[in-house]
Amino acid sequence: MINPRIDELLGQVDSRYALVIVAAKRARQINNYHHQLGEGTFDEFAPPLVESRSKNYLTLSLEEVAEGKITYEYRR
């Protein structure tokens, strides 16, 4: 079971496609942030924006979307 629920997440984004793209990109950013910690640099990527028991980066990014911490816009 996915937590937060998909129907809750769809209230924050335009479509399922947008949700997948936003969550995947943010999960990569969180992953890169954790890899930077070992190198001693903190410049490029933001830390997780929510407190969570989960260590899964995708779950963290979905929780950020659910809480409205992540915004996005379409580029043309």
PDB file of N, CA and C in Angstrom:
ATOM      1  N   MET A   1       0.834  -1.174   0.000  1.00  0.00           N
ATOM      2  CA  MET A   1       0.000   0.000   0.000  1.00  0.00           C
ATOM      3  C   MET A   1       0.881   1.242   0.000  1.00  0.00           C
ATOM      4  N   ILE A   2       0.530   2.201  -0.829  1.00  0.00           N
ATOM      5  CA  ILE A   2       1.285   3.444  -0.935  1.00  0.00           C
ATOM      6  C   ILE A   2       0.745   4.432   0.092  1.00  0.00           C
ATOM      7  N   ASN A   3       1.652   5.012   0.834  1.00  0.00           N
ATOM      8  CA  ASN A   3       1.265   6.042   1.789  1.00  0.00           C
ATOM      9  C   ASN A   3       2.156   7.241   1.559  1.00  0.00           C
ATOM     10  N   PRO A   4       1.683   8.387   1.241  1.00  0.00           N
ATOM     11  CA  PRO A   4       0.287   8.837   1.189  1.00  0.00           C
ATOM     12  C   PRO A   4      -0.443   8.259  -0.020  1.00  0.00           C
ATOM     13  N   ARG A   5      -1.750   8.235   0.097  1.00  0.00           N
ATOM     14  CA  ARG A   5      -2.592   7.636  -0.940  1.00  0.00           C
ATOM     15  C   ARG A   5      -2.549   8.453  -2.232  1.00  0.00           C
ATOM     16  N   ILE A   6      -2.727   7.756  -3.354  1.00  0.00           N
ATOM     17  CA  ILE A   6      -2.673   8.384  -4.671  1.00  0.00           C
ATOM     18  C   ILE A   6      -3.730   9.475  -4.807  1.00  0.00           C
ATOM     19  N   ASP A   7      -4.946   9.225  -4.325  1.00  0.00           N
ATOM     20  CA  ASP A   7      -5.991  10.236  -4.477  1.00  0.00           C
ATOM     21  C   ASP A   7      -5.666  11.508  -3.687  1.00  0.00           C
ATOM     22  N   GLU A   8      -4.944  11.395  -2.578  1.00  0.00           N
ATOM     23  CA  GLU A   8      -4.500  12.581  -1.841  1.00  0.00           C
ATOM     24  C   GLU A   8      -3.421  13.331  -2.624  1.00  0.00           C
ATOM     25  N   LEU A   9      -2.549  12.586  -3.259  1.00  0.00           N
ATOM     26  CA  LEU A   9      -1.458  13.196  -4.017  1.00  0.00           C
ATOM     27  C   LEU A   9      -1.960  13.904  -5.271  1.00  0.00           C
ATOM     28  N   LEU A  10      -2.986  13.351  -5.899  1.00  0.00           N
ATOM     29  CA  LEU A  10      -3.496  13.945  -7.135  1.00  0.00           C
ATOM     30  C   LEU A  10      -4.140  15.309  -6.890  1.00  0.00           C
ATOM     31  N   GLY A  11      -4.471  15.618  -5.655  1.00  0.00           N
ATOM     32  CA  GLY A  11      -4.973  16.950  -5.330  1.00  0.00           C
ATOM     33  C   GLY A  11      -3.894  18.014  -5.393  1.00  0.00           C
ATOM     34  N   GLN A  12      -2.628  17.594  -5.371  1.00  0.00           N
ATOM     35  CA  GLN A  12      -1.500  18.526  -5.381  1.00  0.00           C
ATOM     36  C   GLN A  12      -0.876  18.719  -6.764  1.00  0.00           C
ATOM     37  N   VAL A  13      -1.201  17.834  -7.703  1.00  0.00           N
ATOM     38  CA  VAL A  13      -0.602  17.884  -9.040  1.00  0.00           C
ATOM     39  C   VAL A  13      -1.698  17.794 -10.100  1.00  0.00           C
ATOM     40  N   ASP A  14      -1.319  18.040 -11.343  1.00  0.00           N
ATOM     41  CA  ASP A  14      -2.282  18.048 -12.450  1.00  0.00           C
ATOM     42  C   ASP A  14      -2.704  16.657 -12.897  1.00  0.00           C
ATOM     43  N   SER A  15      -1.765  15.711 -12.866  1.00  0.00           N
ATOM     44  CA  SER A  15      -2.046  14.389 -13.408  1.00  0.00           C
ATOM     45  C   SER A  15      -1.124  13.354 -12.776  1.00  0.00           C
ATOM     46  N   ARG A  16      -1.399  12.099 -13.037  1.00  0.00           N
ATOM     47  CA  ARG A  16      -0.524  11.035 -12.542  1.00  0.00           C
ATOM     48  C   ARG A  16       0.861  11.138 -13.177  1.00  0.00           C
ATOM     49  N   TYR A  17       0.877  11.516 -14.442  1.00  0.00           N
ATOM     50  CA  TYR A  17       2.160  11.685 -15.134  1.00  0.00           C
ATOM     51  C   TYR A  17       3.004  12.738 -14.423  1.00  0.00           C
ATOM     52  N   ALA A  18       2.414  13.868 -14.102  1.00  0.00           N
ATOM     53  CA  ALA A  18       3.141  14.929 -13.402  1.00  0.00           C
ATOM     54  C   ALA A  18       3.622  14.444 -12.040  1.00  0.00           C
ATOM     55  N   LEU A  19       2.800  13.677 -11.348  1.00  0.00           N
ATOM     56  CA  LEU A  19       3.176  13.138 -10.040  1.00  0.00           C
ATOM     57  C   LEU A  19       4.401  12.242 -10.155  1.00  0.00           C
ATOM     58  N   VAL A  20       4.415  11.378 -11.144  1.00  0.00           N
ATOM     59  CA  VAL A  20       5.548  10.465 -11.339  1.00  0.00           C
ATOM     60  C   VAL A  20       6.823  11.250 -11.627  1.00  0.00           C
ATOM     61  N   ILE A  21       6.749  12.217 -12.512  1.00  0.00           N
ATOM     62  CA  ILE A  21       7.931  12.995 -12.888  1.00  0.00           C
ATOM     63  C   ILE A  21       8.445  13.803 -11.700  1.00  0.00           C
ATOM     64  N   VAL A  22       7.556  14.513 -11.012  1.00  0.00           N
ATOM     65  CA  VAL A  22       7.947  15.356  -9.877  1.00  0.00           C
ATOM     66  C   VAL A  22       8.548  14.499  -8.766  1.00  0.00           C
ATOM     67  N   ALA A  23       7.901  13.398  -8.434  1.00  0.00           N
ATOM     68  CA  ALA A  23       8.383  12.546  -7.342  1.00  0.00           C
ATOM     69  C   ALA A  23       9.730  11.904  -7.693  1.00  0.00           C
ATOM     70  N   ALA A  24       9.887  11.456  -8.923  1.00  0.00           N
ATOM     71  CA  ALA A  24      11.146  10.823  -9.323  1.00  0.00           C
ATOM     72  C   ALA A  24      12.303  11.822  -9.312  1.00  0.00           C
ATOM     73  N   LYS A  25      12.065  13.021  -9.825  1.00  0.00           N
ATOM     74  CA  LYS A  25      13.131  14.037  -9.830  1.00  0.00           C
ATOM     75  C   LYS A  25      13.515  14.428  -8.414  1.00  0.00           C
ATOM     76  N   ARG A  26      12.520  14.597  -7.549  1.00  0.00           N
ATOM     77  CA  ARG A  26      12.818  14.972  -6.166  1.00  0.00           C
ATOM     78  C   ARG A  26      13.527  13.836  -5.437  1.00  0.00           C
ATOM     79  N   ALA A  27      13.153  12.590  -5.700  1.00  0.00           N
ATOM     80  CA  ALA A  27      13.836  11.453  -5.077  1.00  0.00           C
ATOM     81  C   ALA A  27      15.307  11.423  -5.488  1.00  0.00           C
ATOM     82  N   ARG A  28      15.597  11.745  -6.746  1.00  0.00           N
ATOM     83  CA  ARG A  28      16.986  11.814  -7.194  1.00  0.00           C
ATOM     84  C   ARG A  28      17.742  12.922  -6.467  1.00  0.00           C
ATOM     85  N   GLN A  29      17.079  14.067  -6.255  1.00  0.00           N
ATOM     86  CA  GLN A  29      17.714  15.171  -5.534  1.00  0.00           C
ATOM     87  C   GLN A  29      18.032  14.771  -4.093  1.00  0.00           C
ATOM     88  N   ILE A  30      17.106  14.086  -3.436  1.00  0.00           N
ATOM     89  CA  ILE A  30      17.340  13.639  -2.054  1.00  0.00           C
ATOM     90  C   ILE A  30      18.486  12.629  -2.024  1.00  0.00           C
ATOM     91  N   ASN A  31      18.521  11.726  -2.991  1.00  0.00           N
ATOM     92  CA  ASN A  31      19.606  10.759  -3.096  1.00  0.00           C
ATOM     93  C   ASN A  31      20.948  11.479  -3.260  1.00  0.00           C
ATOM     94  N   ASN A  32      20.994  12.457  -4.141  1.00  0.00           N
ATOM     95  CA  ASN A  32      22.225  13.208  -4.358  1.00  0.00           C
ATOM     96  C   ASN A  32      22.632  13.984  -3.108  1.00  0.00           C
ATOM     97  N   TYR A  33      21.670  14.515  -2.378  1.00  0.00           N
ATOM     98  CA  TYR A  33      21.963  15.215  -1.137  1.00  0.00           C
ATOM     99  C   TYR A  33      22.659  14.276  -0.151  1.00  0.00           C
ATOM    100  N   HIS A  34      22.142  13.069   0.003  1.00  0.00           N
ATOM    101  CA  HIS A  34      22.741  12.117   0.937  1.00  0.00           C
ATOM    102  C   HIS A  34      24.132  11.680   0.486  1.00  0.00           C
ATOM    103  N   HIS A  35      24.373  11.611  -0.812  1.00  0.00           N
ATOM    104  CA  HIS A  35      25.717  11.293  -1.296  1.00  0.00           C
ATOM    105  C   HIS A  35      26.674  12.454  -1.057  1.00  0.00           C
ATOM    106  N   GLN A  36      26.173  13.689  -1.106  1.00  0.00           N
ATOM    107  CA  GLN A  36      27.005  14.866  -0.840  1.00  0.00           C
ATOM    108  C   GLN A  36      27.469  14.915   0.609  1.00  0.00           C
ATOM    109  N   LEU A  37      26.668  14.387   1.524  1.00  0.00           N
ATOM    110  CA  LEU A  37      27.026  14.430   2.939  1.00  0.00           C
ATOM    111  C   LEU A  37      28.374  13.770   3.183  1.00  0.00           C
ATOM    112  N   GLY A  38      28.628  12.686   2.486  1.00  0.00           N
ATOM    113  CA  GLY A  38      29.899  11.992   2.643  1.00  0.00           C
ATOM    114  C   GLY A  38      31.073  12.770   2.081  1.00  0.00           C
ATOM    115  N   GLU A  39      30.807  13.649   1.125  1.00  0.00           N
ATOM    116  CA  GLU A  39      31.869  14.429   0.499  1.00  0.00           C
ATOM    117  C   GLU A  39      32.111  15.755   1.220  1.00  0.00           C
ATOM    118  N   GLY A  40      31.212  16.120   2.138  1.00  0.00           N
ATOM    119  CA  GLY A  40      31.394  17.359   2.889  1.00  0.00           C
ATOM    120  C   GLY A  40      30.897  18.601   2.179  1.00  0.00           C
ATOM    121  N   THR A  41      30.144  18.451   1.092  1.00  0.00           N
ATOM    122  CA  THR A  41      29.589  19.611   0.397  1.00  0.00           C
ATOM    123  C   THR A  41      28.083  19.639   0.586  1.00  0.00           C
ATOM    124  N   PHE A  42      27.530  20.839   0.713  1.00  0.00           N
ATOM    125  CA  PHE A  42      26.096  20.970   0.970  1.00  0.00           C
ATOM    126  C   PHE A  42      25.462  22.011   0.052  1.00  0.00           C
ATOM    127  N   ASP A  43      26.079  22.309  -1.060  1.00  0.00           N
ATOM    128  CA  ASP A  43      25.667  23.433  -1.886  1.00  0.00           C
ATOM    129  C   ASP A  43      24.490  23.153  -2.795  1.00  0.00           C
ATOM    130  N   GLU A  44      24.530  22.060  -3.496  1.00  0.00           N
ATOM    131  CA  GLU A  44      23.683  21.891  -4.671  1.00  0.00           C
ATOM    132  C   GLU A  44      22.270  21.388  -4.400  1.00  0.00           C
ATOM    133  N   PHE A  45      22.080  20.475  -3.483  1.00  0.00           N
ATOM    134  CA  PHE A  45      20.780  19.834  -3.308  1.00  0.00           C
ATOM    135  C   PHE A  45      20.211  20.090  -1.921  1.00  0.00           C
ATOM    136  N   ALA A  46      18.903  20.301  -1.872  1.00  0.00           N
ATOM    137  CA  ALA A  46      18.223  20.568  -0.600  1.00  0.00           C
ATOM    138  C   ALA A  46      17.990  19.272   0.159  1.00  0.00           C
ATOM    139  N   PRO A  47      18.036  19.332   1.487  1.00  0.00           N
ATOM    140  CA  PRO A  47      17.741  18.143   2.290  1.00  0.00           C
ATOM    141  C   PRO A  47      16.250  17.819   2.222  1.00  0.00           C
ATOM    142  N   PRO A  48      15.853  16.664   2.708  1.00  0.00           N
ATOM    143  CA  PRO A  48      14.420  16.344   2.751  1.00  0.00           C
ATOM    144  C   PRO A  48      13.652  17.432   3.509  1.00  0.00           C
ATOM    145  N   LEU A  49      12.473  17.778   3.013  1.00  0.00           N
ATOM    146  CA  LEU A  49      11.687  18.875   3.566  1.00  0.00           C
ATOM    147  C   LEU A  49      10.654  18.421   4.579  1.00  0.00           C
ATOM    148  N   VAL A  50      10.571  17.122   4.841  1.00  0.00           N
ATOM    149  CA  VAL A  50       9.616  16.582   5.806  1.00  0.00           C
ATOM    150  C   VAL A  50      10.332  15.611   6.736  1.00  0.00           C
ATOM    151  N   GLU A  51       9.795  15.463   7.925  1.00  0.00           N
ATOM    152  CA  GLU A  51      10.268  14.439   8.854  1.00  0.00           C
ATOM    153  C   GLU A  51       9.506  13.156   8.540  1.00  0.00           C
ATOM    154  N   SER A  52      10.234  12.065   8.432  1.00  0.00           N
ATOM    155  CA  SER A  52       9.591  10.813   8.065  1.00  0.00           C
ATOM    156  C   SER A  52      10.322   9.643   8.715  1.00  0.00           C
ATOM    157  N   ARG A  53       9.575   8.591   8.984  1.00  0.00           N
ATOM    158  CA  ARG A  53      10.198   7.366   9.467  1.00  0.00           C
ATOM    159  C   ARG A  53      10.809   6.581   8.319  1.00  0.00           C
ATOM    160  N   SER A  54      10.369   6.856   7.116  1.00  0.00           N
ATOM    161  CA  SER A  54      10.831   6.123   5.946  1.00  0.00           C
ATOM    162  C   SER A  54      12.223   6.578   5.534  1.00  0.00           C
ATOM    163  N   LYS A  55      13.010   5.636   5.089  1.00  0.00           N
ATOM    164  CA  LYS A  55      14.334   5.936   4.534  1.00  0.00           C
ATOM    165  C   LYS A  55      14.327   5.835   3.012  1.00  0.00           C
ATOM    166  N   ASN A  56      13.169   5.528   2.445  1.00  0.00           N
ATOM    167  CA  ASN A  56      13.033   5.407   1.001  1.00  0.00           C
ATOM    168  C   ASN A  56      12.877   6.802   0.403  1.00  0.00           C
ATOM    169  N   TYR A  57      13.736   7.143  -0.548  1.00  0.00           N
ATOM    170  CA  TYR A  57      13.744   8.489  -1.111  1.00  0.00           C
ATOM    171  C   TYR A  57      12.470   8.804  -1.889  1.00  0.00           C
ATOM    172  N   LEU A  58      11.917   7.830  -2.563  1.00  0.00           N
ATOM    173  CA  LEU A  58      10.673   8.058  -3.294  1.00  0.00           C
ATOM    174  C   LEU A  58       9.524   8.322  -2.331  1.00  0.00           C
ATOM    175  N   THR A  59       9.470   7.589  -1.236  1.00  0.00           N
ATOM    176  CA  THR A  59       8.433   7.826  -0.232  1.00  0.00           C
ATOM    177  C   THR A  59       8.580   9.221   0.366  1.00  0.00           C
ATOM    178  N   LEU A  60       9.815   9.634   0.644  1.00  0.00           N
ATOM    179  CA  LEU A  60      10.049  10.984   1.153  1.00  0.00           C
ATOM    180  C   LEU A  60       9.545  12.035   0.173  1.00  0.00           C
ATOM    181  N   SER A  61       9.831  11.835  -1.103  1.00  0.00           N
ATOM    182  CA  SER A  61       9.398  12.819  -2.096  1.00  0.00           C
ATOM    183  C   SER A  61       7.879  12.848  -2.228  1.00  0.00           C
ATOM    184  N   LEU A  62       7.223  11.701  -2.135  1.00  0.00           N
ATOM    185  CA  LEU A  62       5.760  11.672  -2.185  1.00  0.00           C
ATOM    186  C   LEU A  62       5.151  12.360  -0.963  1.00  0.00           C
ATOM    187  N   GLU A  63       5.778  12.206   0.192  1.00  0.00           N
ATOM    188  CA  GLU A  63       5.299  12.895   1.387  1.00  0.00           C
ATOM    189  C   GLU A  63       5.465  14.410   1.250  1.00  0.00           C
ATOM    190  N   GLU A  64       6.544  14.837   0.611  1.00  0.00           N
ATOM    191  CA  GLU A  64       6.740  16.268   0.358  1.00  0.00           C
ATOM    192  C   GLU A  64       5.652  16.808  -0.564  1.00  0.00           C
ATOM    193  N   VAL A  65       5.307  16.047  -1.588  1.00  0.00           N
ATOM    194  CA  VAL A  65       4.233  16.454  -2.500  1.00  0.00           C
ATOM    195  C   VAL A  65       2.913  16.538  -1.741  1.00  0.00           C
ATOM    196  N   ALA A  66       2.622  15.549  -0.921  1.00  0.00           N
ATOM    197  CA  ALA A  66       1.362  15.509  -0.176  1.00  0.00           C
ATOM    198  C   ALA A  66       1.221  16.701   0.762  1.00  0.00           C
ATOM    199  N   GLU A  67       2.329  17.160   1.333  1.00  0.00           N
ATOM    200  CA  GLU A  67       2.287  18.295   2.256  1.00  0.00           C
ATOM    201  C   GLU A  67       2.384  19.637   1.546  1.00  0.00           C
ATOM    202  N   GLY A  68       2.503  19.623   0.223  1.00  0.00           N
ATOM    203  CA  GLY A  68       2.560  20.865  -0.532  1.00  0.00           C
ATOM    204  C   GLY A  68       3.910  21.558  -0.483  1.00  0.00           C
ATOM    205  N   LYS A  69       4.960  20.842  -0.141  1.00  0.00           N
ATOM    206  CA  LYS A  69       6.302  21.418  -0.046  1.00  0.00           C
ATOM    207  C   LYS A  69       6.977  21.525  -1.413  1.00  0.00           C
ATOM    208  N   ILE A  70       6.477  20.787  -2.398  1.00  0.00           N
ATOM    209  CA  ILE A  70       7.068  20.760  -3.724  1.00  0.00           C
ATOM    210  C   ILE A  70       6.124  21.453  -4.702  1.00  0.00           C
ATOM    211  N   THR A  71       6.673  22.401  -5.450  1.00  0.00           N
ATOM    212  CA  THR A  71       5.926  23.040  -6.527  1.00  0.00           C
ATOM    213  C   THR A  71       6.676  22.792  -7.834  1.00  0.00           C
ATOM    214  N   TYR A  72       5.961  22.890  -8.930  1.00  0.00           N
ATOM    215  CA  TYR A  72       6.586  22.666 -10.227  1.00  0.00           C
ATOM    216  C   TYR A  72       5.852  23.496 -11.264  1.00  0.00           C
ATOM    217  N   GLU A  73       6.512  23.639 -12.405  1.00  0.00           N
ATOM    218  CA  GLU A  73       5.864  24.316 -13.530  1.00  0.00           C
ATOM    219  C   GLU A  73       6.326  23.632 -14.815  1.00  0.00           C
ATOM    220  N   TYR A  74       5.492  23.716 -15.817  1.00  0.00           N
ATOM    221  CA  TYR A  74       5.810  23.111 -17.099  1.00  0.00           C
ATOM    222  C   TYR A  74       6.703  24.049 -17.888  1.00  0.00           C
ATOM    223  N   ARG A  75       7.742  23.492 -18.496  1.00  0.00           N
ATOM    224  CA  ARG A  75       8.595  24.270 -19.396  1.00  0.00           C
ATOM    225  C   ARG A  75       8.162  24.018 -20.820  1.00  0.00           C
ATOM    226  N   ARG A  76       8.315  25.011 -21.622  1.00  0.00           N
ATOM    227  CA  ARG A  76       7.981  24.868 -23.047  1.00  0.00           C
ATOM    228  C   ARG A  76       9.195  25.006 -23.891  1.00  0.00           C
TER     229      ARG A  76
END
